[in-house]
Amino acid sequence: MKAISCVVLFLLVTLGNGVSAQNGSYSEKYGSTLNIGLGIGGYSGYYGYVGKSVPVFNLNYEFDVAPQFTLAPSVTFYTYRDRDYRETVIPLAVKGTYYFDRLLNANSRWDFYLAGSLGFALTTSSWDNGYNGDRSYYQDGSNLFLDAHIGTEYHISKTIGIFLDISTGVSTIGLAIH
């Protein structure tokens, strides 16, 4: 999955430098953006509780802090069930993002960024009644986490974009609403 995501990102960067803006240019203001993403996670960081890949939902809202820099409060959600065990994890974080559009000389339809997320995960675990096995088996995740991100967004219009975010936690693809 990560190898495919890296190839897609490389192609987007390559194509993005050669594509001209259509129907005018877009503002270089990055904040005031609601990002809704879906991904797959399970092996590392705060997703390490499960030990396998599961669908993950992510929501964050970016606001401008400085030129080409945003902060985004973020909430992620996943739930997992395996025979007698059920777990729900809700990571809460702040994602700091720096945009490299000017450095890469990208046209106005593309955004390219590096980011980091710092947060903690709220978890609930439960075992079915009558389970007599090892109740500590799934208790391996850390509540605190730090993730690194690299990503891109393509602006379909002034108000809608699609993004790919490759992360050490969960890589997501989604919709950006400006």
C-alpha atoms as a PDB file:
ATOM      1  CA  MET A   1       0.000   0.000   0.000  1.00  0.00           C
ATOM      2  CA  LYS A   2       2.763   2.477   0.943  1.00  0.00           C
ATOM      3  CA  ALA A   3       4.769   1.630  -2.194  1.00  0.00           C
ATOM      4  CA  ILE A   4       1.731   2.300  -4.389  1.00  0.00           C
ATOM      5  CA  SER A   5       1.066   5.563  -2.528  1.00  0.00           C
ATOM      6  CA  CYS A   6       4.686   6.679  -3.094  1.00  0.00           C
ATOM      7  CA  VAL A   7       4.440   5.948  -6.820  1.00  0.00           C
ATOM      8  CA  VAL A   8       1.133   7.850  -7.065  1.00  0.00           C
ATOM      9  CA  LEU A   9       2.631  10.825  -5.191  1.00  0.00           C
ATOM     10  CA  PHE A  10       5.682  10.833  -7.481  1.00  0.00           C
ATOM     11  CA  LEU A  11       3.436  10.822 -10.559  1.00  0.00           C
ATOM     12  CA  LEU A  12       1.291  13.618  -9.131  1.00  0.00           C
ATOM     13  CA  VAL A  13       4.371  15.745  -8.428  1.00  0.00           C
ATOM     14  CA  THR A  14       5.761  15.087 -11.905  1.00  0.00           C
ATOM     15  CA  LEU A  15       2.469  15.837 -13.642  1.00  0.00           C
ATOM     16  CA  GLY A  16       1.724  18.787 -11.368  1.00  0.00           C
ATOM     17  CA  ASN A  17       4.808  20.696 -12.471  1.00  0.00           C
ATOM     18  CA  GLY A  18       3.817  20.398 -16.122  1.00  0.00           C
ATOM     19  CA  VAL A  19       0.082  21.103 -15.884  1.00  0.00           C
ATOM     20  CA  SER A  20      -1.055  24.679 -16.469  1.00  0.00           C
ATOM     21  CA  ALA A  21      -3.787  26.289 -14.401  1.00  0.00           C
ATOM     22  CA  GLN A  22      -7.226  26.161 -15.945  1.00  0.00           C
ATOM     23  CA  ASN A  23      -9.951  28.798 -15.627  1.00  0.00           C
ATOM     24  CA  GLY A  24      -7.770  31.282 -13.741  1.00  0.00           C
ATOM     25  CA  SER A  25      -5.568  30.959 -10.705  1.00  0.00           C
ATOM     26  CA  TYR A  26      -6.415  30.069  -7.137  1.00  0.00           C
ATOM     27  CA  SER A  27      -5.398  31.806  -3.956  1.00  0.00           C
ATOM     28  CA  GLU A  28      -2.248  30.684  -2.178  1.00  0.00           C
ATOM     29  CA  LYS A  29      -4.122  30.816   1.132  1.00  0.00           C
ATOM     30  CA  TYR A  30      -4.044  27.274   2.565  1.00  0.00           C
ATOM     31  CA  GLY A  31      -6.150  27.417   5.720  1.00  0.00           C
ATOM     32  CA  SER A  32      -9.923  27.405   6.273  1.00  0.00           C
ATOM     33  CA  THR A  33     -10.045  23.900   4.840  1.00  0.00           C
ATOM     34  CA  LEU A  34     -12.051  20.898   6.026  1.00  0.00           C
ATOM     35  CA  ASN A  35     -10.274  17.653   5.078  1.00  0.00           C
ATOM     36  CA  ILE A  36     -12.240  14.378   5.108  1.00  0.00           C
ATOM     37  CA  GLY A  37     -10.143  11.260   4.513  1.00  0.00           C
ATOM     38  CA  LEU A  38     -10.361   7.492   4.441  1.00  0.00           C
ATOM     39  CA  GLY A  39      -7.395   5.207   4.907  1.00  0.00           C
ATOM     40  CA  ILE A  40      -6.064   1.874   6.052  1.00  0.00           C
ATOM     41  CA  GLY A  41      -4.094   1.489   9.282  1.00  0.00           C
ATOM     42  CA  GLY A  42      -3.157  -0.989  11.956  1.00  0.00           C
ATOM     43  CA  TYR A  43       0.572  -1.664  12.230  1.00  0.00           C
ATOM     44  CA  SER A  44       2.369   1.322  13.758  1.00  0.00           C
ATOM     45  CA  GLY A  45       2.003   4.211  16.176  1.00  0.00           C
ATOM     46  CA  TYR A  46      -1.413   4.680  17.736  1.00  0.00           C
ATOM     47  CA  TYR A  47      -2.774   2.191  15.219  1.00  0.00           C
ATOM     48  CA  GLY A  48      -0.532  -0.506  16.733  1.00  0.00           C
ATOM     49  CA  TYR A  49      -3.301  -1.761  18.974  1.00  0.00           C
ATOM     50  CA  VAL A  50      -4.795  -4.089  16.385  1.00  0.00           C
ATOM     51  CA  GLY A  51      -1.763  -5.538  14.587  1.00  0.00           C
ATOM     52  CA  LYS A  52      -3.522  -5.694  11.207  1.00  0.00           C
ATOM     53  CA  SER A  53      -4.909  -3.222   8.682  1.00  0.00           C
ATOM     54  CA  VAL A  54      -8.399  -1.836   9.289  1.00  0.00           C
ATOM     55  CA  PRO A  55     -10.401   0.998   7.649  1.00  0.00           C
ATOM     56  CA  VAL A  56      -9.802   4.377   9.272  1.00  0.00           C
ATOM     57  CA  PHE A  57     -11.771   7.657   9.037  1.00  0.00           C
ATOM     58  CA  ASN A  58      -9.961  11.006   9.515  1.00  0.00           C
ATOM     59  CA  LEU A  59     -11.305  14.538   9.815  1.00  0.00           C
ATOM     60  CA  ASN A  60      -9.306  17.755  10.305  1.00  0.00           C
ATOM     61  CA  TYR A  61      -9.761  21.488   9.872  1.00  0.00           C
ATOM     62  CA  GLU A  62      -6.790  23.596   8.727  1.00  0.00           C
ATOM     63  CA  PHE A  63      -6.325  27.250   9.602  1.00  0.00           C
ATOM     64  CA  ASP A  64      -3.533  29.628   8.582  1.00  0.00           C
ATOM     65  CA  VAL A  65      -0.805  30.379  11.114  1.00  0.00           C
ATOM     66  CA  ALA A  66       1.923  31.895   8.905  1.00  0.00           C
ATOM     67  CA  PRO A  67       2.656  32.101   5.164  1.00  0.00           C
ATOM     68  CA  GLN A  68       2.604  28.520   3.798  1.00  0.00           C
ATOM     69  CA  PHE A  69       2.051  27.074   7.303  1.00  0.00           C
ATOM     70  CA  THR A  70      -1.204  25.746   8.813  1.00  0.00           C
ATOM     71  CA  LEU A  71      -2.339  23.974  11.953  1.00  0.00           C
ATOM     72  CA  ALA A  72      -5.193  21.478  11.912  1.00  0.00           C
ATOM     73  CA  PRO A  73      -6.970  19.953  14.897  1.00  0.00           C
ATOM     74  CA  SER A  74      -7.660  16.372  13.874  1.00  0.00           C
ATOM     75  CA  VAL A  75      -9.813  13.435  14.937  1.00  0.00           C
ATOM     76  CA  THR A  76      -9.448   9.898  13.602  1.00  0.00           C
ATOM     77  CA  PHE A  77     -11.657   6.883  14.244  1.00  0.00           C
ATOM     78  CA  TYR A  78     -11.484   3.141  13.808  1.00  0.00           C
ATOM     79  CA  THR A  79     -13.062   0.135  15.423  1.00  0.00           C
ATOM     80  CA  TYR A  80     -12.025  -3.485  15.332  1.00  0.00           C
ATOM     81  CA  ARG A  81     -13.665  -6.774  16.337  1.00  0.00           C
ATOM     82  CA  ASP A  82     -11.978 -10.197  16.548  1.00  0.00           C
ATOM     83  CA  ARG A  83     -14.025 -13.112  17.905  1.00  0.00           C
ATOM     84  CA  ASP A  84     -14.391 -12.233  21.629  1.00  0.00           C
ATOM     85  CA  TYR A  85     -12.661  -8.830  21.519  1.00  0.00           C
ATOM     86  CA  ARG A  86     -13.753  -5.340  20.413  1.00  0.00           C
ATOM     87  CA  GLU A  87     -11.687  -2.180  20.372  1.00  0.00           C
ATOM     88  CA  THR A  88     -12.386   1.429  19.400  1.00  0.00           C
ATOM     89  CA  VAL A  89      -9.572   3.954  19.001  1.00  0.00           C
ATOM     90  CA  ILE A  90     -10.061   7.711  18.593  1.00  0.00           C
ATOM     91  CA  PRO A  91      -6.763   9.568  18.076  1.00  0.00           C
ATOM     92  CA  LEU A  92      -6.921  13.336  18.708  1.00  0.00           C
ATOM     93  CA  ALA A  93      -4.067  15.437  17.316  1.00  0.00           C
ATOM     94  CA  VAL A  94      -2.787  18.715  15.967  1.00  0.00           C
ATOM     95  CA  LYS A  95      -1.196  18.542  12.518  1.00  0.00           C
ATOM     96  CA  GLY A  96       1.311  21.229  11.520  1.00  0.00           C
ATOM     97  CA  THR A  97       1.702  21.544   7.727  1.00  0.00           C
ATOM     98  CA  TYR A  98       4.252  23.447   5.606  1.00  0.00           C
ATOM     99  CA  TYR A  99       3.429  23.945   1.899  1.00  0.00           C
ATOM    100  CA  PHE A 100       6.235  23.819  -0.684  1.00  0.00           C
ATOM    101  CA  ASP A 101       4.281  25.111  -3.700  1.00  0.00           C
ATOM    102  CA  ARG A 102       6.482  28.176  -4.239  1.00  0.00           C
ATOM    103  CA  LEU A 103       9.706  26.222  -3.816  1.00  0.00           C
ATOM    104  CA  LEU A 104       8.531  23.606  -6.342  1.00  0.00           C
ATOM    105  CA  ASN A 105       7.104  26.292  -8.661  1.00  0.00           C
ATOM    106  CA  ALA A 106       3.836  24.335  -8.783  1.00  0.00           C
ATOM    107  CA  ASN A 107       0.847  25.790 -10.564  1.00  0.00           C
ATOM    108  CA  SER A 108      -2.115  27.004  -8.548  1.00  0.00           C
ATOM    109  CA  ARG A 109      -4.143  23.788  -8.906  1.00  0.00           C
ATOM    110  CA  TRP A 110      -1.586  21.821  -6.834  1.00  0.00           C
ATOM    111  CA  ASP A 111      -0.444  21.916  -3.218  1.00  0.00           C
ATOM    112  CA  PHE A 112       2.557  19.914  -1.955  1.00  0.00           C
ATOM    113  CA  TYR A 113       3.368  19.616   1.736  1.00  0.00           C
ATOM    114  CA  LEU A 114       5.272  18.039   4.608  1.00  0.00           C
ATOM    115  CA  ALA A 115       3.608  17.806   8.005  1.00  0.00           C
ATOM    116  CA  GLY A 116       3.827  16.392  11.493  1.00  0.00           C
ATOM    117  CA  SER A 117       1.057  15.330  13.893  1.00  0.00           C
ATOM    118  CA  LEU A 118       1.291  15.198  17.660  1.00  0.00           C
ATOM    119  CA  GLY A 119      -1.509  13.725  19.730  1.00  0.00           C
ATOM    120  CA  PHE A 120      -2.957  11.043  21.940  1.00  0.00           C
ATOM    121  CA  ALA A 121      -5.374   8.171  21.393  1.00  0.00           C
ATOM    122  CA  LEU A 122      -8.507   7.473  23.395  1.00  0.00           C
ATOM    123  CA  THR A 123      -9.169   3.728  23.473  1.00  0.00           C
ATOM    124  CA  THR A 124     -11.894   1.441  24.712  1.00  0.00           C
ATOM    125  CA  SER A 125     -11.532  -2.310  24.789  1.00  0.00           C
ATOM    126  CA  SER A 126     -14.017  -4.978  25.744  1.00  0.00           C
ATOM    127  CA  TRP A 127     -14.142  -8.758  25.912  1.00  0.00           C
ATOM    128  CA  ASP A 128     -17.285 -10.816  25.508  1.00  0.00           C
ATOM    129  CA  ASN A 129     -18.816 -12.343  28.630  1.00  0.00           C
ATOM    130  CA  GLY A 130     -17.417 -15.756  29.361  1.00  0.00           C
ATOM    131  CA  TYR A 131     -14.002 -15.144  27.707  1.00  0.00           C
ATOM    132  CA  ASN A 132     -11.272 -16.827  29.783  1.00  0.00           C
ATOM    133  CA  GLY A 133      -8.210 -16.211  27.570  1.00  0.00           C
ATOM    134  CA  ASP A 134      -5.355 -13.683  27.769  1.00  0.00           C
ATOM    135  CA  ARG A 135      -7.012 -10.252  28.200  1.00  0.00           C
ATOM    136  CA  SER A 136      -3.701  -8.375  27.726  1.00  0.00           C
ATOM    137  CA  TYR A 137      -3.062  -9.745  24.192  1.00  0.00           C
ATOM    138  CA  TYR A 138      -4.164  -6.594  22.323  1.00  0.00           C
ATOM    139  CA  GLN A 139      -2.821  -4.007  24.789  1.00  0.00           C
ATOM    140  CA  ASP A 140       0.337  -3.026  22.844  1.00  0.00           C
ATOM    141  CA  GLY A 141      -0.419   0.481  21.526  1.00  0.00           C
ATOM    142  CA  SER A 142       0.882   3.748  22.934  1.00  0.00           C
ATOM    143  CA  ASN A 143      -1.560   6.522  23.795  1.00  0.00           C
ATOM    144  CA  LEU A 144       0.880   9.271  22.697  1.00  0.00           C
ATOM    145  CA  PHE A 145       2.043   9.527  19.100  1.00  0.00           C
ATOM    146  CA  LEU A 146       4.057  11.598  16.646  1.00  0.00           C
ATOM    147  CA  ASP A 147       3.496  11.075  12.900  1.00  0.00           C
ATOM    148  CA  ALA A 148       5.228  12.437   9.800  1.00  0.00           C
ATOM    149  CA  HIS A 149       3.274  13.212   6.611  1.00  0.00           C
ATOM    150  CA  ILE A 150       3.982  14.004   2.973  1.00  0.00           C
ATOM    151  CA  GLY A 151       1.139  14.851   0.668  1.00  0.00           C
ATOM    152  CA  THR A 152      -0.453  16.638  -2.217  1.00  0.00           C
ATOM    153  CA  GLU A 153      -3.801  18.179  -3.076  1.00  0.00           C
ATOM    154  CA  TYR A 154      -5.290  18.827  -6.499  1.00  0.00           C
ATOM    155  CA  HIS A 155      -7.809  21.686  -6.602  1.00  0.00           C
ATOM    156  CA  ILE A 156     -10.771  20.660  -8.741  1.00  0.00           C
ATOM    157  CA  SER A 157     -12.291  24.109  -8.161  1.00  0.00           C
ATOM    158  CA  LYS A 158     -11.852  27.044  -5.766  1.00  0.00           C
ATOM    159  CA  THR A 159     -13.899  25.196  -3.134  1.00  0.00           C
ATOM    160  CA  ILE A 160     -13.171  21.477  -3.704  1.00  0.00           C
ATOM    161  CA  GLY A 161      -9.947  19.492  -3.860  1.00  0.00           C
ATOM    162  CA  ILE A 162      -8.791  15.886  -3.587  1.00  0.00           C
ATOM    163  CA  PHE A 163      -5.759  14.920  -1.527  1.00  0.00           C
ATOM    164  CA  LEU A 164      -3.348  12.070  -0.865  1.00  0.00           C
ATOM    165  CA  ASP A 165      -1.623  12.082   2.542  1.00  0.00           C
ATOM    166  CA  ILE A 166       1.119   9.499   3.118  1.00  0.00           C
ATOM    167  CA  SER A 167       1.873   9.117   6.816  1.00  0.00           C
ATOM    168  CA  THR A 168       3.793   7.027   9.300  1.00  0.00           C
ATOM    169  CA  GLY A 169       0.421   6.526  11.064  1.00  0.00           C
ATOM    170  CA  VAL A 170      -2.267   6.135   8.415  1.00  0.00           C
ATOM    171  CA  SER A 171      -2.135   7.143   4.752  1.00  0.00           C
ATOM    172  CA  THR A 172      -5.396   8.699   3.587  1.00  0.00           C
ATOM    173  CA  ILE A 173      -7.085   9.826   0.414  1.00  0.00           C
ATOM    174  CA  GLY A 174      -9.923  12.268   0.619  1.00  0.00           C
ATOM    175  CA  LEU A 175     -11.844  15.424  -0.087  1.00  0.00           C
ATOM    176  CA  ALA A 176     -10.778  18.961   0.834  1.00  0.00           C
ATOM    177  CA  ILE A 177     -13.487  21.594   1.190  1.00  0.00           C
ATOM    178  CA  HIS A 178     -12.192  25.211   1.105  1.00  0.00           C
END
